Protein backbone atom coordinates (compact mmCIF):
# COMPACT_ATOMS: atom_id res chain seq x y z
CA MET A 1 -14.34 46.52 64.16
CA ALA A 2 -11.39 44.19 62.83
CA SER A 3 -8.59 45.77 62.04
CA ILE A 4 -7.69 43.29 58.73
CA LEU A 5 -8.16 43.80 55.02
CA PHE A 6 -8.40 41.71 52.54
CA VAL A 7 -7.48 41.80 48.99
CA LEU A 8 -7.70 38.35 47.22
CA ASN A 9 -7.14 38.80 43.75
CA GLY A 10 -8.58 35.81 41.42
CA PRO A 11 -6.89 33.91 38.19
CA ASN A 12 -4.00 35.31 36.00
CA LEU A 13 -3.59 37.91 38.02
CA ASN A 14 0.20 35.98 39.16
CA ALA A 15 0.64 36.86 35.64
CA LEU A 16 0.88 40.70 36.14
CA GLY A 17 3.56 42.49 34.64
CA LYS A 18 4.26 39.57 31.41
CA ARG A 19 0.53 39.28 30.54
CA GLU A 20 -0.82 41.92 27.97
CA PRO A 21 1.49 45.45 29.68
CA GLY A 22 -0.51 47.41 27.01
CA ILE A 23 -3.77 46.60 28.86
CA TYR A 24 -2.61 46.09 32.48
CA GLY A 25 0.51 48.03 32.65
CA GLY A 26 4.09 47.29 34.11
CA GLN A 27 3.26 46.68 37.66
CA THR A 28 3.81 43.42 38.70
CA LEU A 29 1.21 41.50 41.54
CA ALA A 30 3.85 42.04 44.21
CA ASP A 31 4.01 45.75 43.47
CA ILE A 32 0.73 45.95 43.60
CA GLU A 33 0.73 44.27 47.02
CA ALA A 34 3.49 46.41 48.36
CA LEU A 35 1.36 49.68 47.75
CA CYS A 36 -1.27 47.59 49.99
CA ARG A 37 0.62 46.72 52.36
CA ALA A 38 1.69 50.31 52.90
CA GLU A 39 -1.78 52.34 52.02
CA GLY A 40 -2.99 49.66 55.09
CA GLU A 41 -0.23 50.15 57.35
CA LYS A 42 -1.14 54.35 57.40
CA LEU A 43 -4.60 53.88 58.03
CA GLY A 44 -3.91 51.86 60.84
CA PHE A 45 -5.48 47.92 59.00
CA ALA A 46 -3.10 44.65 58.55
CA VAL A 47 -3.75 43.65 54.96
CA ASP A 48 -3.93 39.99 53.98
CA PHE A 49 -3.35 39.36 50.49
CA ARG A 50 -3.58 36.59 47.87
CA GLN A 51 -4.34 35.39 45.07
CA SER A 52 -5.64 32.46 43.27
CA ASN A 53 -5.90 31.11 39.76
CA HIS A 54 -9.35 28.89 41.42
CA GLU A 55 -12.75 29.66 42.55
CA GLY A 56 -13.28 27.84 45.05
CA ASP A 57 -10.33 29.12 47.13
CA LEU A 58 -11.91 32.78 46.78
CA VAL A 59 -15.12 31.97 47.99
CA ASP A 60 -13.31 29.85 51.28
CA TRP A 61 -11.19 33.56 51.28
CA ILE A 62 -14.52 35.65 51.13
CA HIS A 63 -16.59 33.23 54.15
CA GLU A 64 -12.89 33.91 55.73
CA ALA A 65 -13.09 37.25 55.68
CA GLY A 66 -16.81 37.58 56.85
CA ASP A 67 -15.22 36.48 60.32
CA VAL A 68 -12.28 38.32 60.79
CA ALA A 69 -11.81 41.24 58.28
CA ALA A 70 -13.51 45.14 58.27
CA GLY A 71 -13.34 44.95 54.69
CA VAL A 72 -12.49 43.00 51.31
CA ALA A 73 -11.61 44.51 48.01
CA ILE A 74 -11.50 41.78 45.46
CA ASN A 75 -10.31 42.06 41.39
CA ALA A 76 -12.23 38.92 40.69
CA GLY A 77 -10.61 38.41 37.81
CA ALA A 78 -12.24 36.79 34.71
CA TYR A 79 -14.96 34.99 37.53
CA THR A 80 -15.86 38.71 37.69
CA HIS A 81 -18.10 38.29 33.89
CA THR A 82 -18.87 34.70 35.06
CA SER A 83 -19.21 33.75 38.46
CA ILE A 84 -22.64 33.12 40.48
CA ALA A 85 -20.94 31.39 43.60
CA LEU A 86 -18.66 34.37 43.93
CA HIS A 87 -21.85 36.48 43.69
CA ASP A 88 -23.69 34.35 46.14
CA ALA A 89 -20.33 34.49 48.51
CA ILE A 90 -20.58 38.10 49.53
CA ARG A 91 -24.02 38.39 49.45
CA ALA A 92 -23.59 36.08 52.20
CA VAL A 93 -21.26 38.16 54.81
CA LYS A 94 -21.79 41.62 56.06
CA THR A 95 -18.55 42.63 55.96
CA PRO A 96 -18.39 44.80 53.40
CA VAL A 97 -16.89 44.22 49.84
CA VAL A 98 -15.90 46.40 47.37
CA GLU A 99 -14.78 45.12 43.43
CA LEU A 100 -11.73 46.37 41.81
CA HIS A 101 -10.33 46.13 38.14
CA LEU A 102 -7.20 47.15 36.82
CA SER A 103 -8.65 48.28 33.09
CA ASN A 104 -11.87 49.14 32.20
CA VAL A 105 -14.12 46.53 31.94
CA HIS A 106 -16.83 48.90 30.22
CA ALA A 107 -14.44 49.56 27.08
CA ARG A 108 -13.60 46.21 26.51
CA GLU A 109 -15.07 43.60 24.95
CA ASP A 110 -19.30 42.68 25.73
CA PHE A 111 -18.93 39.92 27.87
CA ARG A 112 -16.71 41.87 30.07
CA HIS A 113 -19.03 44.74 30.58
């Protein structure tokens, strides 16, 4: 089994800490990265932590993870609600992929459900 985990972050997550802190909290993406790396280390995994505002980057990284990673955690941001390309990329790899969110999408606007 691969000893690396990919943590992928989608659009606008680079603005965490500044963007709508009432919804997303005050932590920055760098803060979250440090937490992920520390937890990964405790569990014996290296963490490959990435962020992009571009859908194609996320698709490419999922494909890459399918070849080398034990798993993927992804917060695809707004692409969670709209991206057939990400859906297809996740289905194309055998690597387990877990979708994460910083807010309760079911308590927000209908289009986020």
